[in-house]
Amino acid sequence: MVLPLPQPYASIVLKLLFSLLVLVFTVFANRILRNVLKARIKDATHVHTLSMLVRNLVFIIGSVIILLIWLGMGSNFTVAMGVLGAGIAFASQEVIGSFAGFINIVTGNLFRIGDRVRIGEVTGDVLDVSILRTTVMEIGEWVQADQYTGRIVTVANRTVFSDPVFNYTARWPYL
């Protein structure tokens, strides 16, 4: 015979079940949206960039829904979100700047994966553009001509606002 749970415990178990359900739904929604992007968009660089953006957006929405489950929609939720937002904004100024730089890179078509760029003091071929960093295979530096140095350099996306960005292959795909 199973004894019923006392009211506070039943509420916690129900919230845990709903949170788990939202988490599972978030993972499945992410996979479905990623497959839809792969089927509809043929350019691999755009698929990669958009799938990262969609993944982060889906998980942020899932996190807010889980917060709503645990805090409710009343004033507690509003106060918690306000304090949390202010604290996060202050603590992560660099992250917010890098995210704004990512938006600038994607919407402004500054560069794409495979382009030869110079960002600040780093020159090389772009390997990856993520939400916070751009990964570049470095050329030049101590090696003569345009030879790869073998180093992979990550540059914060916020540097597109403070340093000049030179794209050597923007209009012409060959050097």
N, C-alpha and C. Protein backbone atom coordinates (compact mmCIF):
# COMPACT_ATOMS: atom_id res chain seq x y z
N MET A 1 0.84 -1.17 0.00
CA MET A 1 0.00 0.00 0.00
C MET A 1 0.90 1.25 0.00
N VAL A 2 0.60 2.19 -0.89
CA VAL A 2 1.37 3.41 -1.03
C VAL A 2 0.67 4.53 -0.26
N LEU A 3 1.45 5.16 0.62
CA LEU A 3 0.89 6.26 1.39
C LEU A 3 0.99 7.54 0.58
N PRO A 4 -0.02 8.38 0.64
CA PRO A 4 0.06 9.66 -0.09
C PRO A 4 1.10 10.57 0.55
N LEU A 5 1.71 11.40 -0.29
CA LEU A 5 2.71 12.35 0.20
C LEU A 5 2.02 13.52 0.88
N PRO A 6 2.65 14.08 1.91
CA PRO A 6 2.10 15.30 2.49
C PRO A 6 2.09 16.43 1.45
N GLN A 7 1.25 17.42 1.63
CA GLN A 7 1.02 18.47 0.64
C GLN A 7 2.30 19.19 0.17
N PRO A 8 3.21 19.62 1.07
CA PRO A 8 4.41 20.31 0.55
C PRO A 8 5.27 19.41 -0.34
N TYR A 9 5.38 18.12 0.03
CA TYR A 9 6.18 17.20 -0.78
C TYR A 9 5.52 16.90 -2.11
N ALA A 10 4.22 16.80 -2.14
CA ALA A 10 3.50 16.54 -3.39
C ALA A 10 3.70 17.70 -4.35
N SER A 11 3.70 18.91 -3.82
CA SER A 11 3.92 20.08 -4.67
C SER A 11 5.33 20.07 -5.25
N ILE A 12 6.32 19.72 -4.47
CA ILE A 12 7.70 19.67 -4.94
C ILE A 12 7.87 18.58 -5.99
N VAL A 13 7.28 17.42 -5.76
CA VAL A 13 7.37 16.32 -6.72
C VAL A 13 6.70 16.72 -8.04
N LEU A 14 5.57 17.40 -7.96
CA LEU A 14 4.89 17.85 -9.17
C LEU A 14 5.74 18.87 -9.93
N LYS A 15 6.36 19.79 -9.21
CA LYS A 15 7.24 20.77 -9.86
C LYS A 15 8.44 20.09 -10.50
N LEU A 16 9.00 19.09 -9.82
CA LEU A 16 10.12 18.35 -10.40
C LEU A 16 9.71 17.63 -11.68
N LEU A 17 8.53 17.03 -11.67
CA LEU A 17 8.04 16.33 -12.87
C LEU A 17 7.82 17.29 -14.03
N PHE A 18 7.21 18.44 -13.76
CA PHE A 18 7.00 19.43 -14.81
C PHE A 18 8.34 19.97 -15.33
N SER A 19 9.29 20.19 -14.42
CA SER A 19 10.61 20.67 -14.84
C SER A 19 11.31 19.65 -15.72
N LEU A 20 11.22 18.39 -15.35
CA LEU A 20 11.81 17.33 -16.16
C LEU A 20 11.14 17.25 -17.53
N LEU A 21 9.83 17.41 -17.56
CA LEU A 21 9.09 17.40 -18.82
C LEU A 21 9.52 18.57 -19.72
N VAL A 22 9.69 19.76 -19.14
CA VAL A 22 10.15 20.92 -19.91
C VAL A 22 11.56 20.68 -20.43
N LEU A 23 12.42 20.08 -19.62
CA LEU A 23 13.79 19.80 -20.04
C LEU A 23 13.82 18.82 -21.22
N VAL A 24 13.04 17.77 -21.14
CA VAL A 24 12.97 16.79 -22.24
C VAL A 24 12.41 17.45 -23.49
N PHE A 25 11.36 18.24 -23.34
CA PHE A 25 10.76 18.93 -24.49
C PHE A 25 11.77 19.89 -25.11
N THR A 26 12.57 20.57 -24.29
CA THR A 26 13.58 21.50 -24.80
C THR A 26 14.63 20.77 -25.63
N VAL A 27 15.09 19.62 -25.15
CA VAL A 27 16.09 18.85 -25.89
C VAL A 27 15.52 18.38 -27.23
N PHE A 28 14.28 17.86 -27.22
CA PHE A 28 13.66 17.40 -28.47
C PHE A 28 13.39 18.56 -29.42
N ALA A 29 12.96 19.70 -28.91
CA ALA A 29 12.70 20.85 -29.77
C ALA A 29 14.00 21.32 -30.42
N ASN A 30 15.09 21.30 -29.66
CA ASN A 30 16.39 21.68 -30.21
C ASN A 30 16.79 20.75 -31.35
N ARG A 31 16.63 19.45 -31.17
CA ARG A 31 17.00 18.48 -32.21
C ARG A 31 16.13 18.64 -33.45
N ILE A 32 14.84 18.83 -33.24
CA ILE A 32 13.93 18.98 -34.38
C ILE A 32 14.26 20.24 -35.17
N LEU A 33 14.47 21.35 -34.47
CA LEU A 33 14.80 22.60 -35.15
C LEU A 33 16.15 22.51 -35.87
N ARG A 34 17.11 21.83 -35.28
CA ARG A 34 18.41 21.65 -35.93
C ARG A 34 18.27 20.85 -37.22
N ASN A 35 17.46 19.79 -37.19
CA ASN A 35 17.23 18.98 -38.40
C ASN A 35 16.50 19.77 -39.47
N VAL A 36 15.55 20.61 -39.07
CA VAL A 36 14.84 21.45 -40.04
C VAL A 36 15.81 22.43 -40.70
N LEU A 37 16.71 23.02 -39.90
CA LEU A 37 17.70 23.94 -40.46
C LEU A 37 18.61 23.23 -41.44
N LYS A 38 19.06 22.02 -41.09
CA LYS A 38 19.94 21.27 -41.98
C LYS A 38 19.24 20.92 -43.29
N ALA A 39 17.93 20.64 -43.22
CA ALA A 39 17.20 20.26 -44.43
C ALA A 39 16.92 21.46 -45.33
N ARG A 40 16.72 22.63 -44.76
CA ARG A 40 16.32 23.79 -45.55
C ARG A 40 17.47 24.67 -46.01
N ILE A 41 18.56 24.70 -45.25
CA ILE A 41 19.67 25.58 -45.60
C ILE A 41 20.84 24.71 -46.04
N LYS A 42 21.38 25.03 -47.21
CA LYS A 42 22.44 24.20 -47.79
C LYS A 42 23.84 24.66 -47.40
N ASP A 43 24.04 25.92 -47.06
CA ASP A 43 25.35 26.44 -46.70
C ASP A 43 25.70 25.99 -45.28
N ALA A 44 26.79 25.25 -45.16
CA ALA A 44 27.16 24.66 -43.87
C ALA A 44 27.48 25.71 -42.81
N THR A 45 28.08 26.84 -43.22
CA THR A 45 28.42 27.86 -42.24
C THR A 45 27.17 28.51 -41.66
N HIS A 46 26.19 28.75 -42.52
CA HIS A 46 24.93 29.34 -42.03
C HIS A 46 24.18 28.35 -41.14
N VAL A 47 24.20 27.07 -41.50
CA VAL A 47 23.54 26.06 -40.67
C VAL A 47 24.18 26.01 -39.30
N HIS A 48 25.51 26.02 -39.26
CA HIS A 48 26.21 25.96 -37.98
C HIS A 48 25.89 27.17 -37.11
N THR A 49 25.95 28.35 -37.70
CA THR A 49 25.69 29.58 -36.95
C THR A 49 24.25 29.63 -36.45
N LEU A 50 23.31 29.33 -37.35
CA LEU A 50 21.89 29.38 -36.95
C LEU A 50 21.54 28.29 -35.95
N SER A 51 22.13 27.11 -36.07
CA SER A 51 21.81 26.05 -35.12
C SER A 51 22.33 26.39 -33.73
N MET A 52 23.48 27.07 -33.65
CA MET A 52 23.97 27.51 -32.33
C MET A 52 23.05 28.57 -31.74
N LEU A 53 22.60 29.49 -32.58
CA LEU A 53 21.70 30.54 -32.12
C LEU A 53 20.37 29.96 -31.66
N VAL A 54 19.81 29.03 -32.43
CA VAL A 54 18.54 28.40 -32.07
C VAL A 54 18.69 27.57 -30.80
N ARG A 55 19.81 26.86 -30.67
CA ARG A 55 20.04 26.05 -29.47
C ARG A 55 20.03 26.91 -28.22
N ASN A 56 20.76 28.01 -28.27
CA ASN A 56 20.81 28.88 -27.09
C ASN A 56 19.47 29.52 -26.80
N LEU A 57 18.75 29.92 -27.84
CA LEU A 57 17.44 30.52 -27.65
C LEU A 57 16.46 29.53 -27.04
N VAL A 58 16.46 28.28 -27.53
CA VAL A 58 15.55 27.26 -27.00
C VAL A 58 15.86 26.96 -25.53
N PHE A 59 17.15 26.89 -25.18
CA PHE A 59 17.50 26.59 -23.80
C PHE A 59 17.22 27.77 -22.87
N ILE A 60 17.33 28.99 -23.35
CA ILE A 60 16.96 30.15 -22.53
C ILE A 60 15.46 30.14 -22.26
N ILE A 61 14.67 29.86 -23.29
CA ILE A 61 13.22 29.80 -23.11
C ILE A 61 12.85 28.68 -22.15
N GLY A 62 13.50 27.53 -22.27
CA GLY A 62 13.25 26.43 -21.34
C GLY A 62 13.61 26.79 -19.91
N SER A 63 14.72 27.51 -19.74
CA SER A 63 15.12 27.93 -18.39
C SER A 63 14.12 28.89 -17.77
N VAL A 64 13.60 29.81 -18.57
CA VAL A 64 12.60 30.76 -18.06
C VAL A 64 11.32 30.02 -17.67
N ILE A 65 10.92 29.03 -18.47
CA ILE A 65 9.72 28.25 -18.13
C ILE A 65 9.93 27.48 -16.83
N ILE A 66 11.12 26.92 -16.64
CA ILE A 66 11.39 26.20 -15.39
C ILE A 66 11.38 27.17 -14.20
N LEU A 67 11.92 28.38 -14.39
CA LEU A 67 11.84 29.38 -13.32
C LEU A 67 10.39 29.74 -13.01
N LEU A 68 9.57 29.84 -14.04
CA LEU A 68 8.15 30.12 -13.82
C LEU A 68 7.48 28.99 -13.03
N ILE A 69 7.85 27.76 -13.30
CA ILE A 69 7.29 26.63 -12.57
C ILE A 69 7.63 26.73 -11.09
N TRP A 70 8.87 27.07 -10.78
CA TRP A 70 9.31 27.07 -9.38
C TRP A 70 8.95 28.35 -8.64
N LEU A 71 8.92 29.49 -9.33
CA LEU A 71 8.65 30.74 -8.63
C LEU A 71 7.23 31.25 -8.79
N GLY A 72 6.52 30.76 -9.77
CA GLY A 72 5.17 31.25 -10.02
C GLY A 72 5.21 32.55 -10.79
N MET A 73 4.04 33.07 -11.15
CA MET A 73 3.98 34.26 -11.98
C MET A 73 3.77 35.53 -11.16
N GLY A 74 3.72 35.44 -9.88
CA GLY A 74 3.46 36.61 -9.03
C GLY A 74 4.64 37.53 -8.91
N SER A 75 4.63 38.33 -7.87
CA SER A 75 5.67 39.33 -7.68
C SER A 75 7.02 38.70 -7.36
N ASN A 76 7.04 37.49 -6.79
CA ASN A 76 8.31 36.82 -6.51
C ASN A 76 9.10 36.61 -7.78
N PHE A 77 8.41 36.20 -8.84
CA PHE A 77 9.07 35.96 -10.12
C PHE A 77 9.62 37.26 -10.69
N THR A 78 8.84 38.31 -10.61
CA THR A 78 9.25 39.59 -11.16
C THR A 78 10.47 40.14 -10.42
N VAL A 79 10.44 40.07 -9.11
CA VAL A 79 11.57 40.56 -8.32
C VAL A 79 12.80 39.69 -8.58
N ALA A 80 12.61 38.38 -8.62
CA ALA A 80 13.74 37.48 -8.86
C ALA A 80 14.36 37.73 -10.23
N MET A 81 13.55 37.93 -11.25
CA MET A 81 14.06 38.18 -12.59
C MET A 81 14.77 39.54 -12.67
N GLY A 82 14.24 40.55 -11.97
CA GLY A 82 14.88 41.87 -11.96
C GLY A 82 16.24 41.84 -11.30
N VAL A 83 16.32 41.23 -10.12
CA VAL A 83 17.59 41.14 -9.41
C VAL A 83 18.58 40.27 -10.19
N LEU A 84 18.09 39.16 -10.72
CA LEU A 84 18.93 38.26 -11.49
C LEU A 84 19.45 38.96 -12.75
N GLY A 85 18.59 39.68 -13.44
CA GLY A 85 19.00 40.39 -14.65
C GLY A 85 20.04 41.46 -14.38
N ALA A 86 19.84 42.24 -13.31
CA ALA A 86 20.81 43.28 -12.96
C ALA A 86 22.15 42.68 -12.57
N GLY A 87 22.12 41.63 -11.80
CA GLY A 87 23.37 40.97 -11.38
C GLY A 87 24.11 40.36 -12.55
N ILE A 88 23.37 39.71 -13.43
CA ILE A 88 24.01 39.09 -14.59
C ILE A 88 24.58 40.16 -15.52
N ALA A 89 23.84 41.24 -15.74
CA ALA A 89 24.32 42.30 -16.63
C ALA A 89 25.60 42.93 -16.09
N PHE A 90 25.67 43.13 -14.80
CA PHE A 90 26.87 43.73 -14.22
C PHE A 90 28.05 42.76 -14.26
N ALA A 91 27.78 41.51 -13.92
CA ALA A 91 28.86 40.52 -13.81
C ALA A 91 29.38 40.07 -15.17
N SER A 92 28.59 40.19 -16.19
CA SER A 92 29.01 39.63 -17.48
C SER A 92 29.03 40.68 -18.58
N GLN A 93 29.65 41.79 -18.32
CA GLN A 93 29.76 42.84 -19.32
C GLN A 93 30.54 42.36 -20.53
N GLU A 94 31.59 41.58 -20.31
CA GLU A 94 32.40 41.06 -21.41
C GLU A 94 31.58 40.10 -22.27
N VAL A 95 30.77 39.27 -21.62
CA VAL A 95 29.95 38.31 -22.35
C VAL A 95 28.90 39.03 -23.18
N ILE A 96 28.29 40.04 -22.61
CA ILE A 96 27.28 40.80 -23.34
C ILE A 96 27.92 41.52 -24.54
N GLY A 97 29.12 42.07 -24.34
CA GLY A 97 29.83 42.70 -25.45
C GLY A 97 30.18 41.71 -26.54
N SER A 98 30.58 40.50 -26.16
CA SER A 98 30.91 39.47 -27.15
C SER A 98 29.66 39.01 -27.89
N PHE A 99 28.54 38.91 -27.18
CA PHE A 99 27.29 38.53 -27.84
C PHE A 99 26.86 39.62 -28.83
N ALA A 100 27.00 40.89 -28.44
CA ALA A 100 26.68 41.98 -29.36
C ALA A 100 27.62 41.95 -30.57
N GLY A 101 28.89 41.60 -30.35
CA GLY A 101 29.83 41.45 -31.46
C GLY A 101 29.43 40.32 -32.38
N PHE A 102 28.93 39.21 -31.81
CA PHE A 102 28.46 38.08 -32.63
C PHE A 102 27.29 38.51 -33.50
N ILE A 103 26.35 39.26 -32.92
CA ILE A 103 25.21 39.75 -33.70
C ILE A 103 25.72 40.65 -34.83
N ASN A 104 26.71 41.49 -34.54
CA ASN A 104 27.28 42.36 -35.56
C ASN A 104 27.98 41.55 -36.66
N ILE A 105 28.70 40.51 -36.29
CA ILE A 105 29.39 39.67 -37.28
C ILE A 105 28.38 38.98 -38.19
N VAL A 106 27.33 38.41 -37.61
CA VAL A 106 26.36 37.65 -38.39
C VAL A 106 25.49 38.56 -39.26
N THR A 107 24.95 39.62 -38.68
CA THR A 107 24.04 40.47 -39.45
C THR A 107 24.78 41.42 -40.37
N GLY A 108 25.99 41.81 -40.02
CA GLY A 108 26.75 42.74 -40.84
C GLY A 108 27.62 42.05 -41.87
N ASN A 109 27.63 40.70 -41.89
CA ASN A 109 28.46 39.93 -42.81
C ASN A 109 29.91 40.40 -42.80
N LEU A 110 30.47 40.59 -41.61
CA LEU A 110 31.86 41.01 -41.50
C LEU A 110 32.80 39.94 -42.03
N PHE A 111 32.55 38.69 -41.64
CA PHE A 111 33.32 37.57 -42.14
C PHE A 111 32.55 36.29 -41.89
N ARG A 112 32.98 35.23 -42.57
CA ARG A 112 32.36 33.90 -42.44
C ARG A 112 33.46 32.87 -42.22
N ILE A 113 33.06 31.66 -41.94
CA ILE A 113 34.02 30.58 -41.79
C ILE A 113 34.73 30.38 -43.13
N GLY A 114 36.05 30.32 -43.09
CA GLY A 114 36.85 30.16 -44.29
C GLY A 114 37.47 31.44 -44.81
N ASP A 115 37.01 32.59 -44.36
CA ASP A 115 37.56 33.87 -44.80
C ASP A 115 38.92 34.11 -44.17
N ARG A 116 39.78 34.81 -44.89
CA ARG A 116 41.06 35.25 -44.34
C ARG A 116 40.84 36.64 -43.77
N VAL A 117 41.06 36.79 -42.47
CA VAL A 117 40.77 38.05 -41.80
C VAL A 117 41.95 38.48 -40.94
N ARG A 118 41.92 39.76 -40.60
CA ARG A 118 42.81 40.29 -39.57
C ARG A 118 41.93 41.01 -38.58
N ILE A 119 41.93 40.53 -37.34
CA ILE A 119 41.15 41.13 -36.26
C ILE A 119 42.15 41.62 -35.23
N GLY A 120 42.30 42.91 -35.14
CA GLY A 120 43.29 43.47 -34.23
C GLY A 120 44.68 43.08 -34.71
N GLU A 121 45.41 42.33 -33.91
CA GLU A 121 46.77 41.90 -34.25
C GLU A 121 46.82 40.48 -34.78
N VAL A 122 45.69 39.80 -34.90
CA VAL A 122 45.66 38.40 -35.31
C VAL A 122 45.23 38.31 -36.76
N THR A 123 46.03 37.60 -37.56
CA THR A 123 45.71 37.38 -38.97
C THR A 123 45.64 35.88 -39.20
N GLY A 124 44.59 35.45 -39.94
CA GLY A 124 44.46 34.04 -40.24
C GLY A 124 43.14 33.71 -40.88
N ASP A 125 42.89 32.41 -41.02
CA ASP A 125 41.66 31.91 -41.62
C ASP A 125 40.67 31.57 -40.51
N VAL A 126 39.42 32.00 -40.69
CA VAL A 126 38.39 31.79 -39.68
C VAL A 126 37.99 30.31 -39.69
N LEU A 127 38.09 29.67 -38.53
CA LEU A 127 37.68 28.28 -38.38
C LEU A 127 36.28 28.14 -37.83
N ASP A 128 35.92 29.03 -36.90
CA ASP A 128 34.62 28.94 -36.24
C ASP A 128 34.22 30.31 -35.72
N VAL A 129 32.93 30.60 -35.81
CA VAL A 129 32.38 31.81 -35.22
C VAL A 129 31.29 31.36 -34.25
N SER A 130 31.59 31.43 -32.95
CA SER A 130 30.61 31.05 -31.95
C SER A 130 30.02 32.31 -31.34
N ILE A 131 29.15 32.15 -30.40
CA ILE A 131 28.46 33.30 -29.83
C ILE A 131 29.42 34.23 -29.09
N LEU A 132 30.45 33.69 -28.45
CA LEU A 132 31.36 34.53 -27.68
C LEU A 132 32.72 34.73 -28.32
N ARG A 133 33.18 33.77 -29.13
CA ARG A 133 34.54 33.84 -29.67
C ARG A 133 34.59 33.48 -31.14
N THR A 134 35.61 34.00 -31.79
CA THR A 134 35.94 33.61 -33.15
C THR A 134 37.27 32.88 -33.10
N THR A 135 37.33 31.70 -33.71
CA THR A 135 38.54 30.90 -33.73
C THR A 135 39.22 31.07 -35.08
N VAL A 136 40.52 31.38 -35.04
CA VAL A 136 41.28 31.68 -36.25
C VAL A 136 42.53 30.81 -36.29
N MET A 137 42.82 30.22 -37.47
CA MET A 137 44.08 29.53 -37.70
C MET A 137 45.09 30.59 -38.13
N GLU A 138 46.06 30.87 -37.28
CA GLU A 138 46.95 32.01 -37.47
C GLU A 138 47.92 31.79 -38.62
N ILE A 139 48.19 32.87 -39.35
CA ILE A 139 49.23 32.87 -40.37
C ILE A 139 50.21 33.99 -40.07
N GLY A 140 51.38 33.93 -40.72
CA GLY A 140 52.35 35.01 -40.55
C GLY A 140 53.08 34.94 -39.23
N GLU A 141 53.01 36.02 -38.47
CA GLU A 141 53.68 36.18 -37.17
C GLU A 141 55.17 35.92 -37.34
N TRP A 142 55.73 34.83 -36.85
CA TRP A 142 57.17 34.60 -36.96
C TRP A 142 57.53 33.79 -38.21
N VAL A 143 56.50 33.25 -38.91
CA VAL A 143 56.73 32.48 -40.12
C VAL A 143 56.70 33.43 -41.31
N GLN A 144 57.60 33.26 -42.26
CA GLN A 144 57.66 34.13 -43.43
C GLN A 144 56.47 33.90 -44.35
N ALA A 145 56.02 34.93 -45.03
CA ALA A 145 54.92 34.91 -46.00
C ALA A 145 53.62 34.54 -45.31
N ASP A 146 52.70 33.96 -46.06
CA ASP A 146 51.39 33.62 -45.50
C ASP A 146 51.31 32.14 -45.15
N GLN A 147 52.25 31.66 -44.39
CA GLN A 147 52.29 30.28 -43.95
C GLN A 147 51.58 30.17 -42.60
N TYR A 148 50.94 29.02 -42.36
CA TYR A 148 50.29 28.79 -41.07
C TYR A 148 51.35 28.60 -40.00
N THR A 149 51.11 29.20 -38.85
CA THR A 149 52.05 29.04 -37.74
C THR A 149 51.77 27.77 -36.95
N GLY A 150 50.60 27.21 -37.13
CA GLY A 150 50.22 26.04 -36.36
C GLY A 150 49.44 26.39 -35.10
N ARG A 151 49.31 27.67 -34.83
CA ARG A 151 48.58 28.10 -33.64
C ARG A 151 47.13 28.40 -34.01
N ILE A 152 46.25 28.03 -33.13
CA ILE A 152 44.84 28.38 -33.26
C ILE A 152 44.56 29.44 -32.21
N VAL A 153 44.08 30.59 -32.66
CA VAL A 153 43.88 31.74 -31.78
C VAL A 153 42.38 31.99 -31.64
N THR A 154 41.93 32.22 -30.42
CA THR A 154 40.54 32.62 -30.20
C THR A 154 40.51 34.09 -29.85
N VAL A 155 39.59 34.79 -30.49
CA VAL A 155 39.46 36.22 -30.30
C VAL A 155 38.03 36.49 -29.81
N ALA A 156 37.90 37.28 -28.76
CA ALA A 156 36.56 37.63 -28.27
C ALA A 156 35.84 38.45 -29.34
N ASN A 157 34.57 38.15 -29.56
CA ASN A 157 33.80 38.85 -30.59
C ASN A 157 33.65 40.33 -30.31
N ARG A 158 33.81 40.75 -29.06
CA ARG A 158 33.66 42.17 -28.73
C ARG A 158 34.75 43.01 -29.36
N THR A 159 35.84 42.39 -29.82
CA THR A 159 36.94 43.15 -30.41
C THR A 159 36.56 43.76 -31.76
N VAL A 160 35.47 43.31 -32.38
CA VAL A 160 35.07 43.92 -33.66
C VAL A 160 34.60 45.36 -33.45
N PHE A 161 34.27 45.74 -32.23
CA PHE A 161 33.88 47.11 -31.94
C PHE A 161 35.08 48.01 -31.63
N SER A 162 36.17 47.44 -31.13
CA SER A 162 37.30 48.26 -30.69
C SER A 162 38.49 48.20 -31.64
N ASP A 163 38.65 47.13 -32.39
CA ASP A 163 39.79 46.98 -33.30
C ASP A 163 39.31 46.90 -34.74
N PRO A 164 40.14 47.30 -35.69
CA PRO A 164 39.73 47.17 -37.09
C PRO A 164 39.66 45.71 -37.52
N VAL A 165 38.72 45.41 -38.41
CA VAL A 165 38.55 44.07 -38.96
C VAL A 165 38.82 44.17 -40.46
N PHE A 166 39.85 43.44 -40.91
CA PHE A 166 40.17 43.39 -42.33
C PHE A 166 39.77 42.02 -42.85
N ASN A 167 38.93 41.98 -43.88
CA ASN A 167 38.52 40.73 -44.51
C ASN A 167 39.14 40.70 -45.90
N TYR A 168 40.12 39.82 -46.09
CA TYR A 168 40.84 39.77 -47.35
C TYR A 168 40.07 39.02 -48.44
N THR A 169 39.08 38.22 -48.05
CA THR A 169 38.35 37.40 -49.03
C THR A 169 36.86 37.74 -49.06
N ALA A 170 36.47 38.93 -48.65
CA ALA A 170 35.05 39.27 -48.58
C ALA A 170 34.42 39.33 -49.97
N ARG A 171 35.06 40.01 -50.93
CA ARG A 171 34.48 40.18 -52.26
C ARG A 171 35.07 39.23 -53.28
N TRP A 172 36.28 38.77 -53.01
CA TRP A 172 36.98 37.91 -53.95
C TRP A 172 37.49 36.71 -53.18
N PRO A 173 37.05 35.48 -53.50
CA PRO A 173 37.38 34.33 -52.64
C PRO A 173 38.83 33.88 -52.72
N TYR A 174 39.66 34.52 -53.53
CA TYR A 174 41.04 34.10 -53.69
C TYR A 174 41.98 35.21 -53.27
N LEU A 175 43.10 34.84 -52.70
CA LEU A 175 44.10 35.84 -52.32
C LEU A 175 45.05 36.08 -53.47
